[in-house]
Amino acid sequence: MDLRKDQVRSDMAQDHAKYGVIDPLDTKVSSLQGRGKRVTQRDEQNNTLADFVLGKSVEGKSGWRYIRVPGQKRTYAVKTEADPSARFADWVNAGLLRMPVANIRKVAVTNYMLDPLTGGLVGMENFALLQNNGEWKLESGEPIKDSAAKATAAALDNLKIVDARPKPPAMAQDLRAGQMRLSLETALLVSFPFVRAECAPWHSA
C-alpha cells in the first residue's frame, strides 16, 4: 500500500485512545472508545505482508491518518486515503443481477409447494410471459393483468444483492457434480417460486 512512517506522534500507550489506534482485537482493553481498524494483508500461503491499525484522521491535514503497528507503542501520522470497510455493500456490485425492464423479452415462472411429509414438490405449474414494446401477454397468446406483469418486471429491474452466505456442504457438492438432489436442507433454500427471465440484448456486468 506504499505506506510510509512519515511522522512520529507519540511513544506512549496512553495516547492510543486519543489517536484512535487501539487494536480492536486486543481483549485486554475493555473500553470501546479509541479503537481503530485492524488491517492485515496475507499472501496465498497465509504469510503476513502487512499488519497495522488505522486510527483517526489527523487534525488539520487532509488525507492523513494516525497509524500504529500492533504490539508497538509508537503512533505515526501517515499520508494515506485508505479507509477499508468490512461492509458487504462496499465490496460487491449490488446491482449485478438487475435486468432493465426494456430488455426483458420473456419471463418463465415455475410455481410449486414443498410437501413437508414426502419432501416432494406438489401443485407445480409452469407458464411464461412475453413482452413486446411494453405490452405483456401469456406465451399462449391470452391477455393477462398488465399491472401484475409490469410489477414482476419492475422487481427484476430492482434486484439487489444484500448478502452472501456459504452454500450447505451437500448443495455445494451437488453443484460441483452438475446435478442437485433435493434434500430437506436444500429444499428449505429453494422452496419458493422460481422465476427465469430472458433479456435481449444481454449485457455484461
N, C-alpha and C. Protein backbone atom coordinates (compact mmCIF):
# COMPACT_ATOMS: atom_id res chain seq x y z
N MET A 1 0.83 -1.21 0.00
CA MET A 1 0.00 0.00 0.00
C MET A 1 0.86 1.26 0.00
N ASP A 2 2.18 1.09 -0.03
CA ASP A 2 3.11 2.22 -0.09
C ASP A 2 2.93 3.18 1.08
N LEU A 3 2.69 2.64 2.28
CA LEU A 3 2.58 3.48 3.47
C LEU A 3 3.97 3.79 4.01
N ARG A 4 4.17 5.05 4.38
CA ARG A 4 5.46 5.47 4.93
C ARG A 4 5.25 6.00 6.34
N LYS A 5 6.18 5.69 7.22
CA LYS A 5 6.11 6.19 8.60
C LYS A 5 6.58 7.65 8.59
N ASP A 6 5.67 8.54 8.18
CA ASP A 6 6.05 9.93 7.92
C ASP A 6 6.43 10.70 9.19
N GLN A 7 5.56 10.67 10.19
CA GLN A 7 5.81 11.48 11.39
C GLN A 7 5.50 10.67 12.64
N VAL A 8 6.43 10.71 13.60
CA VAL A 8 6.18 10.08 14.89
C VAL A 8 5.38 11.05 15.75
N ARG A 9 4.23 10.59 16.27
CA ARG A 9 3.38 11.45 17.08
C ARG A 9 3.44 11.12 18.56
N SER A 10 3.66 9.86 18.90
CA SER A 10 3.70 9.50 20.31
C SER A 10 4.35 8.14 20.49
N ASP A 11 5.01 7.97 21.66
CA ASP A 11 5.58 6.68 22.03
C ASP A 11 4.92 6.14 23.29
N MET A 12 3.76 6.71 23.66
CA MET A 12 3.09 6.32 24.89
C MET A 12 1.79 5.57 24.58
N ALA A 13 1.59 4.44 25.28
CA ALA A 13 0.37 3.66 25.09
C ALA A 13 -0.86 4.43 25.54
N GLN A 14 -0.67 5.39 26.47
CA GLN A 14 -1.80 6.17 26.95
C GLN A 14 -2.42 7.03 25.86
N ASP A 15 -1.68 7.28 24.80
CA ASP A 15 -2.19 8.12 23.71
C ASP A 15 -2.93 7.34 22.63
N HIS A 16 -2.97 6.02 22.75
CA HIS A 16 -3.60 5.21 21.71
C HIS A 16 -5.08 5.55 21.53
N ALA A 17 -5.78 5.76 22.64
CA ALA A 17 -7.20 6.10 22.56
C ALA A 17 -7.39 7.47 21.93
N LYS A 18 -6.50 8.41 22.25
CA LYS A 18 -6.57 9.77 21.72
C LYS A 18 -6.46 9.77 20.19
N TYR A 19 -5.59 8.93 19.67
CA TYR A 19 -5.38 8.89 18.22
C TYR A 19 -6.24 7.82 17.53
N GLY A 20 -7.00 7.08 18.31
CA GLY A 20 -7.90 6.07 17.73
C GLY A 20 -7.18 4.87 17.16
N VAL A 21 -6.06 4.48 17.79
CA VAL A 21 -5.28 3.36 17.26
C VAL A 21 -5.24 2.16 18.22
N ILE A 22 -6.23 2.07 19.12
CA ILE A 22 -6.32 0.88 19.96
C ILE A 22 -6.68 -0.31 19.07
N ASP A 23 -5.98 -1.40 19.23
CA ASP A 23 -6.24 -2.60 18.44
C ASP A 23 -7.62 -3.15 18.77
N PRO A 24 -8.55 -3.22 17.81
CA PRO A 24 -9.90 -3.73 18.09
C PRO A 24 -9.90 -5.21 18.48
N LEU A 25 -8.80 -5.91 18.21
CA LEU A 25 -8.72 -7.33 18.56
C LEU A 25 -8.05 -7.55 19.92
N ASP A 26 -7.66 -6.47 20.58
CA ASP A 26 -6.98 -6.58 21.87
C ASP A 26 -8.02 -6.81 22.97
N THR A 27 -8.07 -8.01 23.50
CA THR A 27 -9.06 -8.36 24.52
C THR A 27 -8.70 -7.80 25.90
N LYS A 28 -7.49 -7.28 26.04
CA LYS A 28 -7.09 -6.73 27.33
C LYS A 28 -7.65 -5.33 27.55
N VAL A 29 -8.11 -4.69 26.49
CA VAL A 29 -8.67 -3.34 26.58
C VAL A 29 -10.19 -3.44 26.65
N SER A 30 -10.76 -2.92 27.73
CA SER A 30 -12.20 -3.03 27.92
C SER A 30 -12.97 -1.87 27.28
N SER A 31 -12.33 -0.72 27.09
CA SER A 31 -13.01 0.45 26.55
C SER A 31 -13.31 0.29 25.07
N LEU A 32 -14.48 0.76 24.67
CA LEU A 32 -14.86 0.74 23.26
C LEU A 32 -14.42 2.02 22.55
N GLN A 33 -13.98 3.01 23.32
CA GLN A 33 -13.55 4.27 22.74
C GLN A 33 -12.11 4.18 22.24
N GLY A 34 -11.83 4.83 21.12
CA GLY A 34 -10.47 4.91 20.62
C GLY A 34 -9.99 3.70 19.85
N ARG A 35 -10.88 2.80 19.51
CA ARG A 35 -10.49 1.62 18.74
C ARG A 35 -10.39 1.98 17.25
N GLY A 36 -9.35 1.47 16.61
CA GLY A 36 -9.17 1.74 15.19
C GLY A 36 -9.62 0.57 14.33
N LYS A 37 -9.14 0.54 13.09
CA LYS A 37 -9.44 -0.55 12.16
C LYS A 37 -8.17 -1.37 11.97
N ARG A 38 -8.23 -2.63 12.34
CA ARG A 38 -7.09 -3.53 12.17
C ARG A 38 -7.09 -4.05 10.74
N VAL A 39 -6.01 -3.82 10.02
CA VAL A 39 -5.89 -4.25 8.62
C VAL A 39 -4.72 -5.21 8.51
N THR A 40 -4.99 -6.41 8.05
CA THR A 40 -3.95 -7.43 7.87
C THR A 40 -4.01 -7.96 6.45
N GLN A 41 -2.89 -7.95 5.77
CA GLN A 41 -2.82 -8.47 4.40
C GLN A 41 -1.93 -9.71 4.41
N ARG A 42 -2.40 -10.78 3.74
CA ARG A 42 -1.66 -12.04 3.68
C ARG A 42 -1.56 -12.52 2.24
N ASP A 43 -0.54 -13.34 1.98
CA ASP A 43 -0.41 -13.90 0.64
C ASP A 43 -1.12 -15.25 0.58
N GLU A 44 -0.95 -15.96 -0.52
CA GLU A 44 -1.65 -17.23 -0.71
C GLU A 44 -1.22 -18.29 0.30
N GLN A 45 -0.01 -18.16 0.83
CA GLN A 45 0.49 -19.11 1.82
C GLN A 45 0.16 -18.65 3.25
N ASN A 46 -0.68 -17.62 3.37
CA ASN A 46 -1.11 -17.07 4.66
C ASN A 46 0.01 -16.37 5.42
N ASN A 47 1.08 -16.00 4.71
CA ASN A 47 2.14 -15.21 5.34
C ASN A 47 1.69 -13.75 5.43
N THR A 48 1.96 -13.11 6.56
CA THR A 48 1.55 -11.73 6.76
C THR A 48 2.44 -10.78 5.95
N LEU A 49 1.80 -9.98 5.10
CA LEU A 49 2.51 -9.00 4.29
C LEU A 49 2.49 -7.62 4.94
N ALA A 50 1.39 -7.30 5.60
CA ALA A 50 1.25 -6.01 6.27
C ALA A 50 0.23 -6.16 7.39
N ASP A 51 0.46 -5.45 8.48
CA ASP A 51 -0.44 -5.52 9.63
C ASP A 51 -0.35 -4.21 10.39
N PHE A 52 -1.45 -3.49 10.48
CA PHE A 52 -1.42 -2.21 11.17
C PHE A 52 -2.84 -1.83 11.62
N VAL A 53 -2.90 -0.81 12.48
CA VAL A 53 -4.18 -0.29 12.98
C VAL A 53 -4.36 1.12 12.44
N LEU A 54 -5.41 1.33 11.66
CA LEU A 54 -5.74 2.65 11.14
C LEU A 54 -6.55 3.40 12.19
N GLY A 55 -6.11 4.62 12.52
CA GLY A 55 -6.79 5.41 13.53
C GLY A 55 -7.56 6.58 12.95
N LYS A 56 -7.66 7.64 13.75
CA LYS A 56 -8.42 8.82 13.36
C LYS A 56 -7.68 9.62 12.28
N SER A 57 -8.42 10.52 11.65
CA SER A 57 -7.81 11.44 10.70
C SER A 57 -6.99 12.47 11.47
N VAL A 58 -5.89 12.90 10.89
CA VAL A 58 -5.03 13.90 11.54
C VAL A 58 -5.67 15.27 11.41
N GLU A 59 -5.78 15.95 12.54
CA GLU A 59 -6.42 17.26 12.56
C GLU A 59 -5.64 18.27 11.70
N GLY A 60 -6.39 18.95 10.83
CA GLY A 60 -5.79 20.00 10.01
C GLY A 60 -4.95 19.52 8.85
N LYS A 61 -4.92 18.18 8.60
CA LYS A 61 -4.12 17.66 7.49
C LYS A 61 -4.99 16.69 6.67
N SER A 62 -5.54 17.18 5.61
CA SER A 62 -6.40 16.36 4.77
C SER A 62 -5.61 15.21 4.14
N GLY A 63 -6.18 14.01 4.18
CA GLY A 63 -5.52 12.86 3.57
C GLY A 63 -4.47 12.22 4.46
N TRP A 64 -4.47 12.54 5.77
CA TRP A 64 -3.52 11.95 6.72
C TRP A 64 -4.31 11.22 7.82
N ARG A 65 -3.72 10.10 8.30
CA ARG A 65 -4.34 9.34 9.39
C ARG A 65 -3.26 8.88 10.36
N TYR A 66 -3.72 8.61 11.58
CA TYR A 66 -2.82 8.03 12.58
C TYR A 66 -2.78 6.52 12.37
N ILE A 67 -1.59 5.95 12.49
CA ILE A 67 -1.41 4.51 12.27
C ILE A 67 -0.45 3.96 13.32
N ARG A 68 -0.73 2.74 13.76
CA ARG A 68 0.16 2.06 14.71
C ARG A 68 0.32 0.61 14.30
N VAL A 69 1.52 0.08 14.50
CA VAL A 69 1.77 -1.33 14.25
C VAL A 69 1.35 -2.10 15.50
N PRO A 70 0.46 -3.10 15.39
CA PRO A 70 0.03 -3.85 16.56
C PRO A 70 1.21 -4.41 17.35
N GLY A 71 1.13 -4.27 18.69
CA GLY A 71 2.20 -4.76 19.54
C GLY A 71 3.25 -3.72 19.84
N GLN A 72 3.19 -2.58 19.14
CA GLN A 72 4.14 -1.49 19.37
C GLN A 72 3.42 -0.28 19.95
N LYS A 73 4.13 0.50 20.75
CA LYS A 73 3.54 1.68 21.40
C LYS A 73 3.51 2.89 20.48
N ARG A 74 4.45 2.99 19.56
CA ARG A 74 4.61 4.20 18.75
C ARG A 74 3.44 4.40 17.79
N THR A 75 2.98 5.66 17.71
CA THR A 75 1.92 6.05 16.79
C THR A 75 2.49 7.02 15.76
N TYR A 76 2.14 6.80 14.50
CA TYR A 76 2.64 7.63 13.41
C TYR A 76 1.49 8.41 12.77
N ALA A 77 1.85 9.52 12.14
CA ALA A 77 0.94 10.24 11.25
C ALA A 77 1.38 9.89 9.84
N VAL A 78 0.47 9.34 9.07
CA VAL A 78 0.81 8.81 7.75
C VAL A 78 -0.11 9.43 6.69
N LYS A 79 0.49 9.74 5.55
CA LYS A 79 -0.30 10.25 4.44
C LYS A 79 -0.93 9.08 3.70
N THR A 80 -2.24 8.95 3.80
CA THR A 80 -2.95 7.86 3.14
C THR A 80 -4.43 8.20 3.06
N GLU A 81 -5.06 7.75 1.97
CA GLU A 81 -6.50 7.89 1.80
C GLU A 81 -7.22 6.60 2.15
N ALA A 82 -6.47 5.61 2.61
CA ALA A 82 -7.05 4.29 2.89
C ALA A 82 -8.12 4.37 3.97
N ASP A 83 -9.25 3.77 3.72
CA ASP A 83 -10.34 3.70 4.70
C ASP A 83 -11.12 2.41 4.45
N PRO A 84 -10.50 1.26 4.69
CA PRO A 84 -11.14 -0.02 4.38
C PRO A 84 -12.42 -0.26 5.17
N SER A 85 -13.31 -0.99 4.57
CA SER A 85 -14.60 -1.29 5.18
C SER A 85 -14.86 -2.78 5.13
N ALA A 86 -15.55 -3.30 6.15
CA ALA A 86 -15.94 -4.71 6.16
C ALA A 86 -17.41 -4.88 5.77
N ARG A 87 -18.06 -3.78 5.35
CA ARG A 87 -19.46 -3.86 4.95
C ARG A 87 -19.57 -4.56 3.60
N PHE A 88 -20.50 -5.51 3.52
CA PHE A 88 -20.70 -6.28 2.30
C PHE A 88 -20.98 -5.38 1.10
N ALA A 89 -21.81 -4.35 1.31
CA ALA A 89 -22.22 -3.48 0.21
C ALA A 89 -21.05 -2.68 -0.36
N ASP A 90 -19.99 -2.51 0.41
CA ASP A 90 -18.85 -1.73 -0.06
C ASP A 90 -17.92 -2.54 -0.97
N TRP A 91 -18.12 -3.86 -1.03
CA TRP A 91 -17.22 -4.72 -1.82
C TRP A 91 -17.91 -5.38 -3.00
N VAL A 92 -19.24 -5.36 -3.02
CA VAL A 92 -19.97 -6.09 -4.05
C VAL A 92 -20.84 -5.14 -4.85
N ASN A 93 -20.90 -5.34 -6.16
CA ASN A 93 -21.81 -4.59 -7.01
C ASN A 93 -23.23 -5.08 -6.75
N ALA A 94 -23.97 -4.34 -5.94
CA ALA A 94 -25.29 -4.79 -5.50
C ALA A 94 -26.28 -4.93 -6.66
N GLY A 95 -26.04 -4.23 -7.76
CA GLY A 95 -26.95 -4.29 -8.89
C GLY A 95 -26.56 -5.28 -9.96
N LEU A 96 -25.70 -6.23 -9.59
CA LEU A 96 -25.17 -7.18 -10.58
C LEU A 96 -26.27 -8.03 -11.22
N LEU A 97 -27.35 -8.30 -10.50
CA LEU A 97 -28.40 -9.18 -11.00
C LEU A 97 -29.55 -8.45 -11.68
N ARG A 98 -29.57 -7.13 -11.63
CA ARG A 98 -30.72 -6.40 -12.16
C ARG A 98 -30.81 -6.53 -13.67
N MET A 99 -32.05 -6.55 -14.16
CA MET A 99 -32.32 -6.67 -15.58
C MET A 99 -33.22 -5.53 -16.01
N PRO A 100 -32.73 -4.60 -16.83
CA PRO A 100 -33.57 -3.47 -17.27
C PRO A 100 -34.87 -3.95 -17.90
N VAL A 101 -35.96 -3.33 -17.50
CA VAL A 101 -37.29 -3.75 -17.98
C VAL A 101 -37.35 -3.77 -19.51
N ALA A 102 -36.77 -2.78 -20.15
CA ALA A 102 -36.85 -2.68 -21.61
C ALA A 102 -36.17 -3.85 -22.30
N ASN A 103 -35.23 -4.52 -21.61
CA ASN A 103 -34.50 -5.63 -22.24
C ASN A 103 -35.15 -6.99 -21.99
N ILE A 104 -36.12 -7.04 -21.10
CA ILE A 104 -36.75 -8.33 -20.78
C ILE A 104 -37.73 -8.72 -21.89
N ARG A 105 -37.54 -9.91 -22.45
CA ARG A 105 -38.41 -10.40 -23.51
C ARG A 105 -39.34 -11.51 -23.03
N LYS A 106 -38.83 -12.31 -22.09
CA LYS A 106 -39.61 -13.45 -21.65
C LYS A 106 -39.33 -13.73 -20.18
N VAL A 107 -40.40 -14.02 -19.44
CA VAL A 107 -40.27 -14.40 -18.03
C VAL A 107 -40.96 -15.75 -17.85
N ALA A 108 -40.19 -16.78 -17.49
CA ALA A 108 -40.74 -18.11 -17.25
C ALA A 108 -40.89 -18.31 -15.75
N VAL A 109 -42.06 -18.73 -15.32
CA VAL A 109 -42.36 -18.89 -13.90
C VAL A 109 -42.72 -20.34 -13.62
N THR A 110 -42.07 -20.91 -12.60
CA THR A 110 -42.41 -22.24 -12.12
C THR A 110 -42.88 -22.10 -10.68
N ASN A 111 -44.12 -22.37 -10.45
CA ASN A 111 -44.72 -22.21 -9.13
C ASN A 111 -44.99 -23.59 -8.52
N TYR A 112 -44.62 -23.77 -7.27
CA TYR A 112 -44.82 -25.07 -6.64
C TYR A 112 -44.81 -24.91 -5.13
N MET A 113 -45.18 -26.00 -4.44
CA MET A 113 -45.13 -26.05 -2.98
C MET A 113 -44.34 -27.29 -2.57
N LEU A 114 -43.75 -27.22 -1.40
CA LEU A 114 -42.99 -28.35 -0.87
C LEU A 114 -43.83 -29.12 0.13
N ASP A 115 -43.98 -30.42 -0.12
CA ASP A 115 -44.69 -31.28 0.81
C ASP A 115 -43.74 -31.66 1.94
N PRO A 116 -43.95 -31.18 3.18
CA PRO A 116 -43.01 -31.46 4.27
C PRO A 116 -42.97 -32.93 4.68
N LEU A 117 -44.00 -33.70 4.31
CA LEU A 117 -44.04 -35.11 4.69
C LEU A 117 -43.21 -35.97 3.74
N THR A 118 -43.34 -35.71 2.46
CA THR A 118 -42.63 -36.53 1.46
C THR A 118 -41.35 -35.88 0.96
N GLY A 119 -41.22 -34.58 1.17
CA GLY A 119 -40.06 -33.88 0.63
C GLY A 119 -40.17 -33.62 -0.86
N GLY A 120 -41.34 -33.92 -1.45
CA GLY A 120 -41.53 -33.73 -2.88
C GLY A 120 -42.21 -32.41 -3.20
N LEU A 121 -42.26 -32.08 -4.47
CA LEU A 121 -42.89 -30.86 -4.92
C LEU A 121 -44.31 -31.17 -5.40
N VAL A 122 -45.26 -30.35 -4.98
CA VAL A 122 -46.66 -30.56 -5.36
C VAL A 122 -47.23 -29.26 -5.91
N GLY A 123 -48.33 -29.40 -6.63
CA GLY A 123 -49.00 -28.22 -7.17
C GLY A 123 -48.16 -27.45 -8.16
N MET A 124 -47.31 -28.16 -8.89
CA MET A 124 -46.40 -27.46 -9.80
C MET A 124 -47.13 -26.98 -11.05
N GLU A 125 -46.88 -25.73 -11.43
CA GLU A 125 -47.42 -25.19 -12.67
C GLU A 125 -46.37 -24.30 -13.32
N ASN A 126 -46.37 -24.30 -14.65
CA ASN A 126 -45.40 -23.52 -15.41
C ASN A 126 -46.13 -22.62 -16.40
N PHE A 127 -45.67 -21.41 -16.52
CA PHE A 127 -46.20 -20.53 -17.55
C PHE A 127 -45.14 -19.49 -17.90
N ALA A 128 -45.31 -18.84 -19.01
CA ALA A 128 -44.33 -17.86 -19.48
C ALA A 128 -45.03 -16.59 -19.91
N LEU A 129 -44.40 -15.46 -19.61
CA LEU A 129 -44.89 -14.16 -20.01
C LEU A 129 -43.97 -13.58 -21.09
N LEU A 130 -44.56 -12.96 -22.11
CA LEU A 130 -43.78 -12.37 -23.19
C LEU A 130 -44.03 -10.87 -23.22
N GLN A 131 -42.96 -10.10 -23.51
CA GLN A 131 -43.10 -8.66 -23.62
C GLN A 131 -42.72 -8.20 -25.03
N ASN A 132 -43.53 -7.33 -25.57
CA ASN A 132 -43.24 -6.76 -26.88
C ASN A 132 -43.62 -5.28 -26.84
N ASN A 133 -42.59 -4.41 -26.85
CA ASN A 133 -42.80 -2.96 -26.81
C ASN A 133 -43.67 -2.53 -25.63
N GLY A 134 -43.38 -3.11 -24.47
CA GLY A 134 -44.08 -2.71 -23.26
C GLY A 134 -45.41 -3.40 -23.03
N GLU A 135 -45.83 -4.22 -23.97
CA GLU A 135 -47.09 -4.96 -23.84
C GLU A 135 -46.79 -6.39 -23.41
N TRP A 136 -47.52 -6.88 -22.40
CA TRP A 136 -47.30 -8.22 -21.86
C TRP A 136 -48.47 -9.14 -22.18
N LYS A 137 -48.14 -10.41 -22.44
CA LYS A 137 -49.16 -11.42 -22.66
C LYS A 137 -48.58 -12.79 -22.33
N LEU A 138 -49.48 -13.77 -22.15
CA LEU A 138 -49.02 -15.14 -21.94
C LEU A 138 -48.44 -15.68 -23.24
N GLU A 139 -47.54 -16.66 -23.10
CA GLU A 139 -46.92 -17.25 -24.28
C GLU A 139 -47.98 -17.87 -25.18
N SER A 140 -49.10 -18.31 -24.58
CA SER A 140 -50.18 -18.91 -25.36
C SER A 140 -50.97 -17.86 -26.13
N GLY A 141 -50.71 -16.58 -25.85
CA GLY A 141 -51.40 -15.51 -26.55
C GLY A 141 -52.54 -14.90 -25.77
N GLU A 142 -52.90 -15.49 -24.63
CA GLU A 142 -54.01 -14.98 -23.83
C GLU A 142 -53.61 -13.68 -23.14
N PRO A 143 -54.54 -12.75 -23.03
CA PRO A 143 -54.25 -11.49 -22.33
C PRO A 143 -54.10 -11.74 -20.82
N ILE A 144 -53.38 -10.87 -20.16
CA ILE A 144 -53.15 -11.01 -18.73
C ILE A 144 -53.37 -9.66 -18.05
N LYS A 145 -53.31 -9.68 -16.73
CA LYS A 145 -53.41 -8.45 -15.95
C LYS A 145 -52.10 -7.69 -16.12
N ASP A 146 -52.13 -6.60 -16.87
CA ASP A 146 -50.92 -5.89 -17.25
C ASP A 146 -50.15 -5.35 -16.04
N SER A 147 -50.87 -4.90 -15.02
CA SER A 147 -50.21 -4.31 -13.86
C SER A 147 -49.37 -5.35 -13.12
N ALA A 148 -49.84 -6.60 -13.06
CA ALA A 148 -49.10 -7.66 -12.37
C ALA A 148 -47.82 -8.00 -13.13
N ALA A 149 -47.89 -8.05 -14.46
CA ALA A 149 -46.71 -8.35 -15.26
C ALA A 149 -45.68 -7.24 -15.14
N LYS A 150 -46.14 -5.99 -15.17
CA LYS A 150 -45.23 -4.87 -15.05
C LYS A 150 -44.58 -4.83 -13.66
N ALA A 151 -45.34 -5.22 -12.64
CA ALA A 151 -44.78 -5.25 -11.29
C ALA A 151 -43.69 -6.30 -11.19
N THR A 152 -43.90 -7.46 -11.85
CA THR A 152 -42.88 -8.51 -11.86
C THR A 152 -41.62 -8.03 -12.57
N ALA A 153 -41.79 -7.38 -13.71
CA ALA A 153 -40.64 -6.87 -14.46
C ALA A 153 -39.90 -5.80 -13.67
N ALA A 154 -40.65 -4.95 -12.97
CA ALA A 154 -40.01 -3.90 -12.16
C ALA A 154 -39.21 -4.50 -11.03
N ALA A 155 -39.71 -5.62 -10.46
CA ALA A 155 -38.98 -6.28 -9.39
C ALA A 155 -37.65 -6.82 -9.90
N LEU A 156 -37.64 -7.37 -11.12
CA LEU A 156 -36.40 -7.87 -11.72
C LEU A 156 -35.43 -6.72 -12.00
N ASP A 157 -36.00 -5.56 -12.35
CA ASP A 157 -35.16 -4.40 -12.64
C ASP A 157 -34.52 -3.84 -11.38
N ASN A 158 -35.11 -4.15 -10.22
CA ASN A 158 -34.61 -3.61 -8.96
C ASN A 158 -33.93 -4.66 -8.08
N LEU A 159 -33.56 -5.79 -8.65
CA LEU A 159 -32.89 -6.82 -7.87
C LEU A 159 -31.58 -6.30 -7.30
N LYS A 160 -31.34 -6.57 -6.02
CA LYS A 160 -30.10 -6.16 -5.38
C LYS A 160 -29.54 -7.30 -4.52
N ILE A 161 -28.24 -7.46 -4.56
CA ILE A 161 -27.58 -8.42 -3.69
C ILE A 161 -27.38 -7.76 -2.34
N VAL A 162 -27.92 -8.34 -1.29
CA VAL A 162 -27.80 -7.74 0.04
C VAL A 162 -26.89 -8.52 0.96
N ASP A 163 -26.57 -9.76 0.61
CA ASP A 163 -25.71 -10.56 1.47
C ASP A 163 -25.29 -11.81 0.71
N ALA A 164 -24.31 -12.51 1.24
CA ALA A 164 -23.85 -13.77 0.66
C ALA A 164 -23.51 -14.72 1.80
N ARG A 165 -23.92 -15.95 1.67
CA ARG A 165 -23.66 -16.96 2.69
C ARG A 165 -23.11 -18.22 2.04
N PRO A 166 -22.30 -18.98 2.75
CA PRO A 166 -21.76 -20.23 2.19
C PRO A 166 -22.89 -21.21 1.89
N LYS A 167 -22.74 -21.95 0.79
CA LYS A 167 -23.72 -22.98 0.47
C LYS A 167 -23.59 -24.13 1.47
N PRO A 168 -24.69 -24.81 1.78
CA PRO A 168 -24.58 -26.03 2.59
C PRO A 168 -23.65 -27.02 1.90
N PRO A 169 -22.82 -27.76 2.63
CA PRO A 169 -21.86 -28.68 2.01
C PRO A 169 -22.49 -29.62 0.99
N ALA A 170 -23.68 -30.16 1.31
CA ALA A 170 -24.32 -31.10 0.38
C ALA A 170 -24.69 -30.43 -0.93
N MET A 171 -25.20 -29.18 -0.85
CA MET A 171 -25.56 -28.46 -2.07
C MET A 171 -24.33 -28.13 -2.88
N ALA A 172 -23.26 -27.70 -2.23
CA ALA A 172 -22.03 -27.36 -2.95
C ALA A 172 -21.48 -28.57 -3.68
N GLN A 173 -21.53 -29.74 -3.04
CA GLN A 173 -21.05 -30.97 -3.68
C GLN A 173 -21.91 -31.34 -4.89
N ASP A 174 -23.24 -31.18 -4.74
CA ASP A 174 -24.14 -31.49 -5.86
C ASP A 174 -23.90 -30.56 -7.04
N LEU A 175 -23.68 -29.27 -6.75
CA LEU A 175 -23.46 -28.31 -7.82
C LEU A 175 -22.16 -28.60 -8.56
N ARG A 176 -21.14 -29.03 -7.82
CA ARG A 176 -19.88 -29.39 -8.48
C ARG A 176 -20.05 -30.62 -9.37
N ALA A 177 -20.96 -31.52 -8.95
CA ALA A 177 -21.21 -32.73 -9.72
C ALA A 177 -22.14 -32.47 -10.91
N GLY A 178 -22.78 -31.29 -10.92
CA GLY A 178 -23.65 -30.94 -12.03
C GLY A 178 -25.09 -31.40 -11.88
N GLN A 179 -25.46 -31.92 -10.71
CA GLN A 179 -26.83 -32.36 -10.50
C GLN A 179 -27.17 -32.19 -9.04
N MET A 180 -28.25 -31.46 -8.75
CA MET A 180 -28.62 -31.19 -7.37
C MET A 180 -29.77 -32.10 -6.96
N ARG A 181 -29.56 -32.81 -5.87
CA ARG A 181 -30.59 -33.67 -5.31
C ARG A 181 -31.36 -32.89 -4.25
N LEU A 182 -32.66 -33.14 -4.17
CA LEU A 182 -33.48 -32.42 -3.21
C LEU A 182 -33.41 -33.09 -1.85
N SER A 183 -32.86 -32.40 -0.89
CA SER A 183 -32.85 -32.86 0.50
C SER A 183 -33.58 -31.82 1.33
N LEU A 184 -33.86 -32.13 2.58
CA LEU A 184 -34.56 -31.18 3.43
C LEU A 184 -33.75 -29.89 3.56
N GLU A 185 -32.42 -30.03 3.64
CA GLU A 185 -31.55 -28.86 3.80
C GLU A 185 -31.61 -27.96 2.58
N THR A 186 -31.53 -28.57 1.38
CA THR A 186 -31.56 -27.75 0.17
C THR A 186 -32.98 -27.29 -0.14
N ALA A 187 -33.97 -28.08 0.23
CA ALA A 187 -35.36 -27.71 -0.04
C ALA A 187 -35.74 -26.44 0.70
N LEU A 188 -35.22 -26.27 1.92
CA LEU A 188 -35.52 -25.07 2.69
C LEU A 188 -34.96 -23.82 2.02
N LEU A 189 -33.94 -23.99 1.17
CA LEU A 189 -33.34 -22.86 0.48
C LEU A 189 -34.03 -22.55 -0.84
N VAL A 190 -34.67 -23.54 -1.44
CA VAL A 190 -35.24 -23.34 -2.77
C VAL A 190 -36.75 -23.48 -2.81
N SER A 191 -37.42 -23.54 -1.66
CA SER A 191 -38.87 -23.74 -1.64
C SER A 191 -39.60 -22.41 -1.84
N PHE A 192 -39.45 -21.84 -3.02
CA PHE A 192 -40.16 -20.63 -3.41
C PHE A 192 -40.33 -20.67 -4.92
N PRO A 193 -41.29 -19.90 -5.46
CA PRO A 193 -41.47 -19.90 -6.92
C PRO A 193 -40.18 -19.51 -7.62
N PHE A 194 -39.89 -20.21 -8.70
CA PHE A 194 -38.66 -19.95 -9.46
C PHE A 194 -39.01 -19.13 -10.68
N VAL A 195 -38.28 -18.02 -10.86
CA VAL A 195 -38.53 -17.13 -11.99
C VAL A 195 -37.25 -17.03 -12.82
N ARG A 196 -37.37 -17.23 -14.11
CA ARG A 196 -36.24 -17.09 -15.03
C ARG A 196 -36.61 -16.05 -16.07
N ALA A 197 -35.76 -15.06 -16.22
CA ALA A 197 -36.03 -14.01 -17.20
C ALA A 197 -34.99 -14.05 -18.31
N GLU A 198 -35.43 -13.87 -19.53
CA GLU A 198 -34.54 -13.82 -20.69
C GLU A 198 -34.51 -12.39 -21.21
N CYS A 199 -33.30 -11.85 -21.37
CA CYS A 199 -33.15 -10.47 -21.81
C CYS A 199 -32.47 -10.41 -23.17
N ALA A 200 -32.80 -9.40 -23.92
CA ALA A 200 -32.14 -9.17 -25.20
C ALA A 200 -32.10 -7.66 -25.45
N PRO A 201 -30.93 -7.09 -25.75
CA PRO A 201 -29.65 -7.80 -25.76
C PRO A 201 -29.12 -7.99 -24.35
N TRP A 202 -28.38 -9.07 -24.12
CA TRP A 202 -27.80 -9.33 -22.81
C TRP A 202 -26.58 -8.45 -22.62
N HIS A 203 -26.41 -7.89 -21.44
CA HIS A 203 -25.27 -7.01 -21.20
C HIS A 203 -24.39 -7.63 -20.13
N SER A 204 -23.07 -7.45 -20.27
CA SER A 204 -22.14 -7.98 -19.27
C SER A 204 -22.07 -7.02 -18.09
N ALA A 205 -21.90 -7.57 -16.88
CA ALA A 205 -21.83 -6.75 -15.68
C ALA A 205 -20.43 -6.21 -15.50
